[in-house]
């Protein structure tokens, strides 16, 4: 039996494998200044997939979110799914992710899944 690590919603319920949402790929430059996705995640987006070419700090929120060195550390070269909505509080969907480089400049790739 193969173990999988599926994303979970805010109530810790597993979200089944989802498909990529058409025209919803983002790339964010990871530099010494915090940057976020320009276009908000779609209201139907449940999960985003992240891949960073360099280690970064991540923060999730609305269109004003800013990443700092006190935020979540995300290593380079890891493909990871993150739930941004769901659970009891369905109005709590995150619309943006902000990134800040940990060391060198690079890129964070984000794919929306529905």
PDB file of N, CA and C in Angstrom:
ATOM      1  N   UNK A   1       0.837  -1.177   0.000  1.00  0.00           N
ATOM      2  CA  UNK A   1       0.000   0.000   0.000  1.00  0.00           C
ATOM      3  C   UNK A   1       0.878   1.235   0.000  1.00  0.00           C
ATOM      4  N   UNK A   2       0.538   2.191  -0.845  1.00  0.00           N
ATOM      5  CA  UNK A   2       1.347   3.406  -0.988  1.00  0.00           C
ATOM      6  C   UNK A   2       0.724   4.540  -0.175  1.00  0.00           C
ATOM      7  N   UNK A   3       1.535   5.198   0.615  1.00  0.00           N
ATOM      8  CA  UNK A   3       1.073   6.323   1.412  1.00  0.00           C
ATOM      9  C   UNK A   3       1.118   7.590   0.576  1.00  0.00           C
ATOM     10  N   UNK A   4       0.066   8.414   0.679  1.00  0.00           N
ATOM     11  CA  UNK A   4       0.053   9.697  -0.013  1.00  0.00           C
ATOM     12  C   UNK A   4      -0.130  10.805   1.002  1.00  0.00           C
ATOM     13  N   UNK A   5       0.298  11.980   0.657  1.00  0.00           N
ATOM     14  CA  UNK A   5       0.155  13.145   1.519  1.00  0.00           C
ATOM     15  C   UNK A   5      -0.765  14.144   0.840  1.00  0.00           C
ATOM     16  N   UNK A   6      -2.056  13.919   0.947  1.00  0.00           N
ATOM     17  CA  UNK A   6      -3.028  14.818   0.345  1.00  0.00           C
ATOM     18  C   UNK A   6      -3.211  16.039   1.238  1.00  0.00           C
ATOM     19  N   UNK A   7      -3.516  17.197   0.653  1.00  0.00           N
ATOM     20  CA  UNK A   7      -3.739  18.406   1.457  1.00  0.00           C
ATOM     21  C   UNK A   7      -5.004  18.253   2.288  1.00  0.00           C
ATOM     22  N   UNK A   8      -5.075  19.047   3.379  1.00  0.00           N
ATOM     23  CA  UNK A   8      -6.234  19.008   4.271  1.00  0.00           C
ATOM     24  C   UNK A   8      -6.834  20.392   4.397  1.00  0.00           C
ATOM     25  N   UNK A   9      -8.159  20.444   4.611  1.00  0.00           N
ATOM     26  CA  UNK A   9      -8.827  21.729   4.791  1.00  0.00           C
ATOM     27  C   UNK A   9      -8.675  22.199   6.236  1.00  0.00           C
ATOM     28  N   UNK A  10      -9.311  23.318   6.576  1.00  0.00           N
ATOM     29  CA  UNK A  10      -9.166  23.909   7.900  1.00  0.00           C
ATOM     30  C   UNK A  10      -9.705  23.017   9.009  1.00  0.00           C
ATOM     31  N   UNK A  11     -10.556  22.046   8.666  1.00  0.00           N
ATOM     32  CA  UNK A  11     -11.083  21.105   9.655  1.00  0.00           C
ATOM     33  C   UNK A  11     -10.293  19.802   9.681  1.00  0.00           C
ATOM     34  N   UNK A  12      -9.150  19.779   9.011  1.00  0.00           N
ATOM     35  CA  UNK A  12      -8.261  18.627   8.950  1.00  0.00           C
ATOM     36  C   UNK A  12      -8.847  17.452   8.154  1.00  0.00           C
ATOM     37  N   UNK A  13      -9.781  17.736   7.247  1.00  0.00           N
ATOM     38  CA  UNK A  13     -10.330  16.723   6.362  1.00  0.00           C
ATOM     39  C   UNK A  13      -9.509  16.674   5.082  1.00  0.00           C
ATOM     40  N   UNK A  14      -9.212  15.478   4.621  1.00  0.00           N
ATOM     41  CA  UNK A  14      -8.416  15.317   3.399  1.00  0.00           C
ATOM     42  C   UNK A  14      -9.191  15.870   2.202  1.00  0.00           C
ATOM     43  N   UNK A  15      -8.492  16.636   1.357  1.00  0.00           N
ATOM     44  CA  UNK A  15      -9.042  17.117   0.097  1.00  0.00           C
ATOM     45  C   UNK A  15      -8.513  16.180  -0.981  1.00  0.00           C
ATOM     46  N   UNK A  16      -9.402  15.529  -1.688  1.00  0.00           N
ATOM     47  CA  UNK A  16      -8.998  14.572  -2.701  1.00  0.00           C
ATOM     48  C   UNK A  16      -8.207  15.252  -3.817  1.00  0.00           C
ATOM     49  N   UNK A  17      -7.466  14.469  -4.565  1.00  0.00           N
ATOM     50  CA  UNK A  17      -6.653  14.995  -5.652  1.00  0.00           C
ATOM     51  C   UNK A  17      -7.501  15.866  -6.575  1.00  0.00           C
ATOM     52  N   UNK A  18      -6.965  16.989  -6.945  1.00  0.00           N
ATOM     53  CA  UNK A  18      -7.669  17.965  -7.754  1.00  0.00           C
ATOM     54  C   UNK A  18      -6.954  18.156  -9.084  1.00  0.00           C
ATOM     55  N   UNK A  19      -7.606  18.845 -10.008  1.00  0.00           N
ATOM     56  CA  UNK A  19      -6.983  19.115 -11.306  1.00  0.00           C
ATOM     57  C   UNK A  19      -6.467  20.553 -11.336  1.00  0.00           C
ATOM     58  N   UNK A  20      -5.511  20.792 -12.220  1.00  0.00           N
ATOM     59  CA  UNK A  20      -5.026  22.157 -12.422  1.00  0.00           C
ATOM     60  C   UNK A  20      -6.141  23.005 -13.024  1.00  0.00           C
ATOM     61  N   UNK A  21      -6.290  24.212 -12.532  1.00  0.00           N
ATOM     62  CA  UNK A  21      -7.281  25.147 -13.071  1.00  0.00           C
ATOM     63  C   UNK A  21      -6.677  25.809 -14.310  1.00  0.00           C
ATOM     64  N   UNK A  22      -7.431  25.835 -15.404  1.00  0.00           N
ATOM     65  CA  UNK A  22      -6.959  26.446 -16.645  1.00  0.00           C
ATOM     66  C   UNK A  22      -6.598  27.915 -16.423  1.00  0.00           C
ATOM     67  N   UNK A  23      -5.542  28.362 -17.076  1.00  0.00           N
ATOM     68  CA  UNK A  23      -5.098  29.762 -17.053  1.00  0.00           C
ATOM     69  C   UNK A  23      -4.889  30.310 -15.645  1.00  0.00           C
ATOM     70  N   UNK A  24      -4.391  29.472 -14.750  1.00  0.00           N
ATOM     71  CA  UNK A  24      -4.202  29.901 -13.361  1.00  0.00           C
ATOM     72  C   UNK A  24      -2.846  29.517 -12.809  1.00  0.00           C
ATOM     73  N   UNK A  25      -1.833  29.665 -13.624  1.00  0.00           N
ATOM     74  CA  UNK A  25      -0.462  29.465 -13.171  1.00  0.00           C
ATOM     75  C   UNK A  25       0.141  30.841 -12.871  1.00  0.00           C
ATOM     76  N   UNK A  26       0.869  30.919 -11.791  1.00  0.00           N
ATOM     77  CA  UNK A  26       1.492  32.173 -11.378  1.00  0.00           C
ATOM     78  C   UNK A  26       2.986  31.934 -11.193  1.00  0.00           C
ATOM     79  N   UNK A  27       3.781  32.941 -11.441  1.00  0.00           N
ATOM     80  CA  UNK A  27       5.188  32.898 -11.045  1.00  0.00           C
ATOM     81  C   UNK A  27       5.482  34.219 -10.334  1.00  0.00           C
ATOM     82  N   UNK A  28       6.188  34.097  -9.227  1.00  0.00           N
ATOM     83  CA  UNK A  28       6.474  35.258  -8.392  1.00  0.00           C
ATOM     84  C   UNK A  28       7.982  35.347  -8.204  1.00  0.00           C
ATOM     85  N   UNK A  29       8.539  36.497  -8.503  1.00  0.00           N
ATOM     86  CA  UNK A  29       9.978  36.710  -8.313  1.00  0.00           C
ATOM     87  C   UNK A  29      10.273  36.789  -6.819  1.00  0.00           C
ATOM     88  N   UNK A  30      11.186  35.951  -6.368  1.00  0.00           N
ATOM     89  CA  UNK A  30      11.611  35.961  -4.966  1.00  0.00           C
ATOM     90  C   UNK A  30      12.888  36.794  -4.880  1.00  0.00           C
ATOM     91  N   UNK A  31      12.779  37.974  -4.317  1.00  0.00           N
ATOM     92  CA  UNK A  31      13.912  38.887  -4.195  1.00  0.00           C
ATOM     93  C   UNK A  31      14.004  39.388  -2.750  1.00  0.00           C
ATOM     94  N   UNK A  32      14.817  40.406  -2.522  1.00  0.00           N
ATOM     95  CA  UNK A  32      14.979  40.980  -1.187  1.00  0.00           C
ATOM     96  C   UNK A  32      13.765  41.794  -0.757  1.00  0.00           C
ATOM     97  N   UNK A  33      12.819  42.013  -1.670  1.00  0.00           N
ATOM     98  CA  UNK A  33      11.576  42.729  -1.376  1.00  0.00           C
ATOM     99  C   UNK A  33      10.404  41.771  -1.521  1.00  0.00           C
ATOM    100  N   UNK A  34       9.491  41.776  -0.568  1.00  0.00           N
ATOM    101  CA  UNK A  34       8.323  40.903  -0.627  1.00  0.00           C
ATOM    102  C   UNK A  34       7.517  41.170  -1.899  1.00  0.00           C
ATOM    103  N   UNK A  35       7.040  40.082  -2.518  1.00  0.00           N
ATOM    104  CA  UNK A  35       6.193  40.178  -3.713  1.00  0.00           C
ATOM    105  C   UNK A  35       5.082  39.153  -3.580  1.00  0.00           C
ATOM    106  N   UNK A  36       3.947  39.407  -4.240  1.00  0.00           N
ATOM    107  CA  UNK A  36       2.805  38.486  -4.174  1.00  0.00           C
ATOM    108  C   UNK A  36       2.246  38.272  -5.571  1.00  0.00           C
ATOM    109  N   UNK A  37       1.386  37.273  -5.715  1.00  0.00           N
ATOM    110  CA  UNK A  37       0.723  37.044  -7.002  1.00  0.00           C
ATOM    111  C   UNK A  37      -0.132  38.260  -7.343  1.00  0.00           C
ATOM    112  N   UNK A  38      -0.082  38.671  -8.601  1.00  0.00           N
ATOM    113  CA  UNK A  38      -0.798  39.855  -9.065  1.00  0.00           C
ATOM    114  C   UNK A  38      -2.298  39.595  -9.121  1.00  0.00           C
ATOM    115  N   UNK A  39      -2.671  38.455  -9.673  1.00  0.00           N
ATOM    116  CA  UNK A  39      -4.078  38.090  -9.811  1.00  0.00           C
ATOM    117  C   UNK A  39      -4.484  37.222  -8.623  1.00  0.00           C
ATOM    118  N   UNK A  40      -5.595  37.565  -7.983  1.00  0.00           N
ATOM    119  CA  UNK A  40      -6.085  36.784  -6.839  1.00  0.00           C
ATOM    120  C   UNK A  40      -6.434  35.366  -7.276  1.00  0.00           C
ATOM    121  N   UNK A  41      -6.295  34.427  -6.356  1.00  0.00           N
ATOM    122  CA  UNK A  41      -6.721  33.063  -6.619  1.00  0.00           C
ATOM    123  C   UNK A  41      -8.232  33.053  -6.823  1.00  0.00           C
ATOM    124  N   UNK A  42      -8.699  32.206  -7.717  1.00  0.00           N
ATOM    125  CA  UNK A  42     -10.123  32.113  -8.004  1.00  0.00           C
ATOM    126  C   UNK A  42     -10.920  31.640  -6.799  1.00  0.00           C
ATOM    127  N   UNK A  43     -12.168  32.066  -6.720  1.00  0.00           N
ATOM    128  CA  UNK A  43     -13.007  31.695  -5.580  1.00  0.00           C
ATOM    129  C   UNK A  43     -13.261  30.192  -5.511  1.00  0.00           C
ATOM    130  N   UNK A  44     -13.149  29.494  -6.633  1.00  0.00           N
ATOM    131  CA  UNK A  44     -13.344  28.050  -6.639  1.00  0.00           C
ATOM    132  C   UNK A  44     -12.063  27.271  -6.353  1.00  0.00           C
ATOM    133  N   UNK A  45     -10.935  27.955  -6.255  1.00  0.00           N
ATOM    134  CA  UNK A  45      -9.661  27.301  -5.982  1.00  0.00           C
ATOM    135  C   UNK A  45      -9.632  26.804  -4.540  1.00  0.00           C
ATOM    136  N   UNK A  46      -9.310  25.540  -4.366  1.00  0.00           N
ATOM    137  CA  UNK A  46      -9.254  24.917  -3.040  1.00  0.00           C
ATOM    138  C   UNK A  46      -7.818  24.717  -2.552  1.00  0.00           C
ATOM    139  N   UNK A  47      -6.926  24.480  -3.515  1.00  0.00           N
ATOM    140  CA  UNK A  47      -5.545  24.123  -3.201  1.00  0.00           C
ATOM    141  C   UNK A  47      -4.631  24.841  -4.181  1.00  0.00           C
ATOM    142  N   UNK A  48      -3.453  25.241  -3.714  1.00  0.00           N
ATOM    143  CA  UNK A  48      -2.416  25.720  -4.622  1.00  0.00           C
ATOM    144  C   UNK A  48      -1.206  24.807  -4.472  1.00  0.00           C
ATOM    145  N   UNK A  49      -0.499  24.614  -5.557  1.00  0.00           N
ATOM    146  CA  UNK A  49       0.755  23.870  -5.542  1.00  0.00           C
ATOM    147  C   UNK A  49       1.884  24.869  -5.641  1.00  0.00           C
ATOM    148  N   UNK A  50       2.912  24.672  -4.837  1.00  0.00           N
ATOM    149  CA  UNK A  50       4.052  25.582  -4.793  1.00  0.00           C
ATOM    150  C   UNK A  50       5.334  24.853  -5.169  1.00  0.00           C
ATOM    151  N   UNK A  51       6.211  25.560  -5.881  1.00  0.00           N
ATOM    152  CA  UNK A  51       7.561  25.076  -6.164  1.00  0.00           C
ATOM    153  C   UNK A  51       8.464  26.293  -6.199  1.00  0.00           C
ATOM    154  N   UNK A  52       9.535  26.268  -5.429  1.00  0.00           N
ATOM    155  CA  UNK A  52      10.468  27.391  -5.380  1.00  0.00           C
ATOM    156  C   UNK A  52      11.842  26.959  -5.877  1.00  0.00           C
ATOM    157  N   UNK A  53      12.476  27.829  -6.664  1.00  0.00           N
ATOM    158  CA  UNK A  53      13.825  27.530  -7.161  1.00  0.00           C
ATOM    159  C   UNK A  53      14.893  27.888  -6.139  1.00  0.00           C
ATOM    160  N   UNK A  54      14.518  28.654  -5.123  1.00  0.00           N
ATOM    161  CA  UNK A  54      15.408  29.048  -4.023  1.00  0.00           C
ATOM    162  C   UNK A  54      14.608  28.985  -2.719  1.00  0.00           C
ATOM    163  N   UNK A  55      15.275  28.896  -1.568  1.00  0.00           N
ATOM    164  CA  UNK A  55      14.534  28.943  -0.308  1.00  0.00           C
ATOM    165  C   UNK A  55      13.873  30.309  -0.135  1.00  0.00           C
ATOM    166  N   UNK A  56      12.627  30.298   0.356  1.00  0.00           N
ATOM    167  CA  UNK A  56      11.872  31.543   0.523  1.00  0.00           C
ATOM    168  C   UNK A  56      11.085  31.508   1.833  1.00  0.00           C
ATOM    169  N   UNK A  57      10.572  32.674   2.196  1.00  0.00           N
ATOM    170  CA  UNK A  57       9.589  32.801   3.266  1.00  0.00           C
ATOM    171  C   UNK A  57       8.252  33.071   2.603  1.00  0.00           C
ATOM    172  N   UNK A  58       7.177  32.448   3.131  1.00  0.00           N
ATOM    173  CA  UNK A  58       5.846  32.562   2.557  1.00  0.00           C
ATOM    174  C   UNK A  58       4.862  33.124   3.574  1.00  0.00           C
ATOM    175  N   UNK A  59       3.945  33.966   3.103  1.00  0.00           N
ATOM    176  CA  UNK A  59       2.828  34.441   3.914  1.00  0.00           C
ATOM    177  C   UNK A  59       1.576  34.402   3.058  1.00  0.00           C
ATOM    178  N   UNK A  60       0.461  34.001   3.642  1.00  0.00           N
ATOM    179  CA  UNK A  60      -0.806  33.904   2.933  1.00  0.00           C
ATOM    180  C   UNK A  60      -1.770  34.948   3.465  1.00  0.00           C
ATOM    181  N   UNK A  61      -2.583  35.514   2.573  1.00  0.00           N
ATOM    182  CA  UNK A  61      -3.543  36.516   3.004  1.00  0.00           C
ATOM    183  C   UNK A  61      -4.283  37.122   1.837  1.00  0.00           C
ATOM    184  N   UNK A  62      -4.609  38.412   1.978  1.00  0.00           N
ATOM    185  CA  UNK A  62      -5.339  39.126   0.931  1.00  0.00           C
ATOM    186  C   UNK A  62      -4.365  39.895   0.044  1.00  0.00           C
ATOM    187  N   UNK A  63      -4.871  40.844  -0.707  1.00  0.00           N
ATOM    188  CA  UNK A  63      -4.040  41.570  -1.673  1.00  0.00           C
ATOM    189  C   UNK A  63      -3.010  42.493  -1.029  1.00  0.00           C
ATOM    190  N   UNK A  64      -2.993  42.581   0.288  1.00  0.00           N
ATOM    191  CA  UNK A  64      -1.994  43.418   0.959  1.00  0.00           C
ATOM    192  C   UNK A  64      -0.960  42.596   1.735  1.00  0.00           C
ATOM    193  N   UNK A  65      -1.029  41.261   1.630  1.00  0.00           N
ATOM    194  CA  UNK A  65      -0.117  40.413   2.401  1.00  0.00           C
ATOM    195  C   UNK A  65       1.336  40.676   2.017  1.00  0.00           C
ATOM    196  N   UNK A  66       2.207  40.661   3.024  1.00  0.00           N
ATOM    197  CA  UNK A  66       3.640  40.871   2.842  1.00  0.00           C
ATOM    198  C   UNK A  66       4.392  39.769   3.582  1.00  0.00           C
ATOM    199  N   UNK A  67       5.408  39.214   2.952  1.00  0.00           N
ATOM    200  CA  UNK A  67       6.226  38.188   3.602  1.00  0.00           C
ATOM    201  C   UNK A  67       7.405  38.834   4.320  1.00  0.00           C
ATOM    202  N   UNK A  68       7.740  38.257   5.469  1.00  0.00           N
ATOM    203  CA  UNK A  68       8.910  38.700   6.237  1.00  0.00           C
ATOM    204  C   UNK A  68       9.726  37.470   6.628  1.00  0.00           C
ATOM    205  N   UNK A  69      10.882  37.687   7.202  1.00  0.00           N
ATOM    206  CA  UNK A  69      11.722  36.569   7.643  1.00  0.00           C
ATOM    207  C   UNK A  69      11.126  35.837   8.839  1.00  0.00           C
ATOM    208  N   UNK A  70      10.069  36.365   9.416  1.00  0.00           N
ATOM    209  CA  UNK A  70       9.378  35.685  10.499  1.00  0.00           C
ATOM    210  C   UNK A  70       8.270  34.758  10.024  1.00  0.00           C
ATOM    211  N   UNK A  71       8.046  34.713   8.714  1.00  0.00           N
ATOM    212  CA  UNK A  71       6.980  33.878   8.159  1.00  0.00           C
ATOM    213  C   UNK A  71       7.475  32.467   7.870  1.00  0.00           C
ATOM    214  N   UNK A  72       6.603  31.658   7.277  1.00  0.00           N
ATOM    215  CA  UNK A  72       6.913  30.250   7.014  1.00  0.00           C
ATOM    216  C   UNK A  72       8.092  30.112   6.055  1.00  0.00           C
ATOM    217  N   UNK A  73       9.060  29.307   6.443  1.00  0.00           N
ATOM    218  CA  UNK A  73      10.210  29.006   5.590  1.00  0.00           C
ATOM    219  C   UNK A  73       9.807  27.883   4.638  1.00  0.00           C
ATOM    220  N   UNK A  74      10.139  28.037   3.369  1.00  0.00           N
ATOM    221  CA  UNK A  74       9.841  27.032   2.356  1.00  0.00           C
ATOM    222  C   UNK A  74      11.123  26.740   1.590  1.00  0.00           C
ATOM    223  N   UNK A  75      11.584  25.481   1.591  1.00  0.00           N
ATOM    224  CA  UNK A  75      12.860  25.153   0.945  1.00  0.00           C
ATOM    225  C   UNK A  75      12.762  25.105  -0.578  1.00  0.00           C
ATOM    226  N   UNK A  76      13.887  25.198  -1.219  1.00  0.00           N
ATOM    227  CA  UNK A  76      13.956  25.082  -2.680  1.00  0.00           C
ATOM    228  C   UNK A  76      13.780  23.632  -3.094  1.00  0.00           C
ATOM    229  N   UNK A  77      13.242  23.457  -4.311  1.00  0.00           N
ATOM    230  CA  UNK A  77      13.191  22.134  -4.905  1.00  0.00           C
ATOM    231  C   UNK A  77      12.125  21.207  -4.354  1.00  0.00           C
ATOM    232  N   UNK A  78      11.149  21.742  -3.625  1.00  0.00           N
ATOM    233  CA  UNK A  78      10.076  20.926  -3.064  1.00  0.00           C
ATOM    234  C   UNK A  78       8.768  21.301  -3.752  1.00  0.00           C
ATOM    235  N   UNK A  79       8.009  20.302  -4.189  1.00  0.00           N
ATOM    236  CA  UNK A  79       6.682  20.522  -4.768  1.00  0.00           C
ATOM    237  C   UNK A  79       5.693  20.215  -3.664  1.00  0.00           C
ATOM    238  N   UNK A  80       4.832  21.197  -3.316  1.00  0.00           N
ATOM    239  CA  UNK A  80       3.981  21.045  -2.141  1.00  0.00           C
ATOM    240  C   UNK A  80       2.598  21.623  -2.393  1.00  0.00           C
ATOM    241  N   UNK A  81       1.572  20.907  -1.951  1.00  0.00           N
ATOM    242  CA  UNK A  81       0.195  21.378  -2.060  1.00  0.00           C
ATOM    243  C   UNK A  81      -0.237  22.015  -0.746  1.00  0.00           C
ATOM    244  N   UNK A  82      -0.931  23.156  -0.846  1.00  0.00           N
ATOM    245  CA  UNK A  82      -1.417  23.877   0.324  1.00  0.00           C
ATOM    246  C   UNK A  82      -2.901  24.180   0.138  1.00  0.00           C
ATOM    247  N   UNK A  83      -3.725  23.829   1.124  1.00  0.00           N
ATOM    248  CA  UNK A  83      -5.148  24.167   1.080  1.00  0.00           C
ATOM    249  C   UNK A  83      -5.301  25.648   1.406  1.00  0.00           C
ATOM    250  N   UNK A  84      -6.068  26.370   0.585  1.00  0.00           N
ATOM    251  CA  UNK A  84      -6.301  27.798   0.840  1.00  0.00           C
ATOM    252  C   UNK A  84      -7.757  28.103   1.135  1.00  0.00           C
ATOM    253  N   UNK A  85      -8.604  27.082   1.134  1.00  0.00           N
ATOM    254  CA  UNK A  85     -10.013  27.277   1.479  1.00  0.00           C
ATOM    255  C   UNK A  85     -10.587  25.957   1.939  1.00  0.00           C
ATOM    256  N   UNK A  86     -11.810  26.020   2.391  1.00  0.00           N
ATOM    257  CA  UNK A  86     -12.488  24.818   2.838  1.00  0.00           C
ATOM    258  C   UNK A  86     -12.620  24.793   4.342  1.00  0.00           C
ATOM    259  N   UNK A  87     -13.257  23.777   4.826  1.00  0.00           N
ATOM    260  CA  UNK A  87     -13.482  23.662   6.252  1.00  0.00           C
ATOM    261  C   UNK A  87     -14.724  24.422   6.680  1.00  0.00           C
ATOM    262  N   UNK A  88     -14.894  24.563   7.971  1.00  0.00           N
ATOM    263  CA  UNK A  88     -16.073  25.208   8.531  1.00  0.00           C
ATOM    264  C   UNK A  88     -16.187  26.662   8.119  1.00  0.00           C
ATOM    265  N   UNK A  89     -15.077  27.380   8.116  1.00  0.00           N
ATOM    266  CA  UNK A  89     -15.080  28.810   7.798  1.00  0.00           C
ATOM    267  C   UNK A  89     -14.757  29.003   6.322  1.00  0.00           C
ATOM    268  N   UNK A  90     -15.706  28.746   5.464  1.00  0.00           N
ATOM    269  CA  UNK A  90     -15.470  28.793   4.021  1.00  0.00           C
ATOM    270  C   UNK A  90     -15.164  30.194   3.502  1.00  0.00           C
ATOM    271  N   UNK A  91     -15.463  31.222   4.287  1.00  0.00           N
ATOM    272  CA  UNK A  91     -15.177  32.585   3.848  1.00  0.00           C
ATOM    273  C   UNK A  91     -13.715  32.960   4.081  1.00  0.00           C
ATOM    274  N   UNK A  92     -12.948  32.048   4.648  1.00  0.00           N
ATOM    275  CA  UNK A  92     -11.572  32.359   5.006  1.00  0.00           C
ATOM    276  C   UNK A  92     -10.572  31.998   3.906  1.00  0.00           C
ATOM    277  N   UNK A  93     -11.002  31.975   2.647  1.00  0.00           N
ATOM    278  CA  UNK A  93     -10.077  31.622   1.576  1.00  0.00           C
ATOM    279  C   UNK A  93      -8.967  32.659   1.464  1.00  0.00           C
ATOM    280  N   UNK A  94      -7.754  32.168   1.341  1.00  0.00           N
ATOM    281  CA  UNK A  94      -6.613  33.040   1.083  1.00  0.00           C
ATOM    282  C   UNK A  94      -6.621  33.384  -0.402  1.00  0.00           C
ATOM    283  N   UNK A  95      -6.377  34.638  -0.743  1.00  0.00           N
ATOM    284  CA  UNK A  95      -6.403  35.047  -2.142  1.00  0.00           C
ATOM    285  C   UNK A  95      -5.016  35.298  -2.720  1.00  0.00           C
ATOM    286  N   UNK A  96      -4.018  35.425  -1.847  1.00  0.00           N
ATOM    287  CA  UNK A  96      -2.667  35.747  -2.306  1.00  0.00           C
ATOM    288  C   UNK A  96      -1.622  35.025  -1.454  1.00  0.00           C
ATOM    289  N   UNK A  97      -0.464  34.827  -2.046  1.00  0.00           N
ATOM    290  CA  UNK A  97       0.703  34.346  -1.320  1.00  0.00           C
ATOM    291  C   UNK A  97       1.832  35.336  -1.591  1.00  0.00           C
ATOM    292  N   UNK A  98       2.511  35.744  -0.537  1.00  0.00           N
ATOM    293  CA  UNK A  98       3.655  36.647  -0.665  1.00  0.00           C
ATOM    294  C   UNK A  98       4.927  35.845  -0.441  1.00  0.00           C
ATOM    295  N   UNK A  99       5.983  36.199  -1.157  1.00  0.00           N
ATOM    296  CA  UNK A  99       7.261  35.498  -1.041  1.00  0.00           C
ATOM    297  C   UNK A  99       8.393  36.496  -0.801  1.00  0.00           C
ATOM    298  N   UNK A 100       9.398  36.029  -0.085  1.00  0.00           N
ATOM    299  CA  UNK A 100      10.604  36.803   0.189  1.00  0.00           C
ATOM    300  C   UNK A 100      11.764  35.824   0.153  1.00  0.00           C
ATOM    301  N   UNK A 101      12.810  36.138  -0.593  1.00  0.00           N
ATOM    302  CA  UNK A 101      13.947  35.215  -0.688  1.00  0.00           C
ATOM    303  C   UNK A 101      14.576  35.016   0.689  1.00  0.00           C
ATOM    304  N   UNK A 102      15.120  33.836   0.901  1.00  0.00           N
ATOM    305  CA  UNK A 102      15.861  33.557   2.137  1.00  0.00           C
ATOM    306  C   UNK A 102      17.334  33.879   1.954  1.00  0.00           C
ATOM    307  N   UNK A 103      17.863  33.653   0.744  1.00  0.00           N
ATOM    308  CA  UNK A 103      19.287  33.900   0.475  1.00  0.00           C
ATOM    309  C   UNK A 103      19.458  34.587  -0.876  1.00  0.00           C
ATOM    310  N   UNK A 104      19.243  33.847  -1.951  1.00  0.00           N
ATOM    311  CA  UNK A 104      19.442  34.354  -3.305  1.00  0.00           C
ATOM    312  C   UNK A 104      18.108  34.588  -4.009  1.00  0.00           C
ATOM    313  N   UNK A 105      18.146  35.385  -5.079  1.00  0.00           N
ATOM    314  CA  UNK A 105      16.951  35.609  -5.892  1.00  0.00           C
ATOM    315  C   UNK A 105      16.558  34.330  -6.628  1.00  0.00           C
ATOM    316  N   UNK A 106      15.271  34.182  -6.874  1.00  0.00           N
ATOM    317  CA  UNK A 106      14.777  33.026  -7.601  1.00  0.00           C
ATOM    318  C   UNK A 106      13.327  33.236  -7.985  1.00  0.00           C
ATOM    319  N   UNK A 107      12.622  32.141  -8.206  1.00  0.00           N
ATOM    320  CA  UNK A 107      11.230  32.195  -8.628  1.00  0.00           C
ATOM    321  C   UNK A 107      10.410  31.181  -7.841  1.00  0.00           C
ATOM    322  N   UNK A 108       9.189  31.581  -7.498  1.00  0.00           N
ATOM    323  CA  UNK A 108       8.226  30.657  -6.898  1.00  0.00           C
ATOM    324  C   UNK A 108       7.109  30.459  -7.918  1.00  0.00           C
ATOM    325  N   UNK A 109       6.831  29.204  -8.234  1.00  0.00           N
ATOM    326  CA  UNK A 109       5.777  28.858  -9.179  1.00  0.00           C
ATOM    327  C   UNK A 109       4.557  28.390  -8.391  1.00  0.00           C
ATOM    328  N   UNK A 110       3.404  28.910  -8.762  1.00  0.00           N
ATOM    329  CA  UNK A 110       2.163  28.593  -8.063  1.00  0.00           C
ATOM    330  C   UNK A 110       1.141  28.129  -9.086  1.00  0.00           C
ATOM    331  N   UNK A 111       0.489  27.000  -8.820  1.00  0.00           N
ATOM    332  CA  UNK A 111      -0.578  26.493  -9.675  1.00  0.00           C
ATOM    333  C   UNK A 111      -1.840  26.336  -8.846  1.00  0.00           C
ATOM    334  N   UNK A 112      -2.949  26.864  -9.349  1.00  0.00           N
ATOM    335  CA  UNK A 112      -4.227  26.712  -8.671  1.00  0.00           C
ATOM    336  C   UNK A 112      -4.846  25.384  -9.059  1.00  0.00           C
ATOM    337  N   UNK A 113      -5.519  24.748  -8.086  1.00  0.00           N
ATOM    338  CA  UNK A 113      -6.198  23.477  -8.325  1.00  0.00           C
ATOM    339  C   UNK A 113      -7.648  23.577  -7.866  1.00  0.00           C
ATOM    340  N   UNK A 114      -8.519  22.948  -8.646  1.00  0.00           N
ATOM    341  CA  UNK A 114      -9.950  22.943  -8.316  1.00  0.00           C
ATOM    342  C   UNK A 114     -10.487  21.516  -8.353  1.00  0.00           C
TER     343      UNK A 114
END
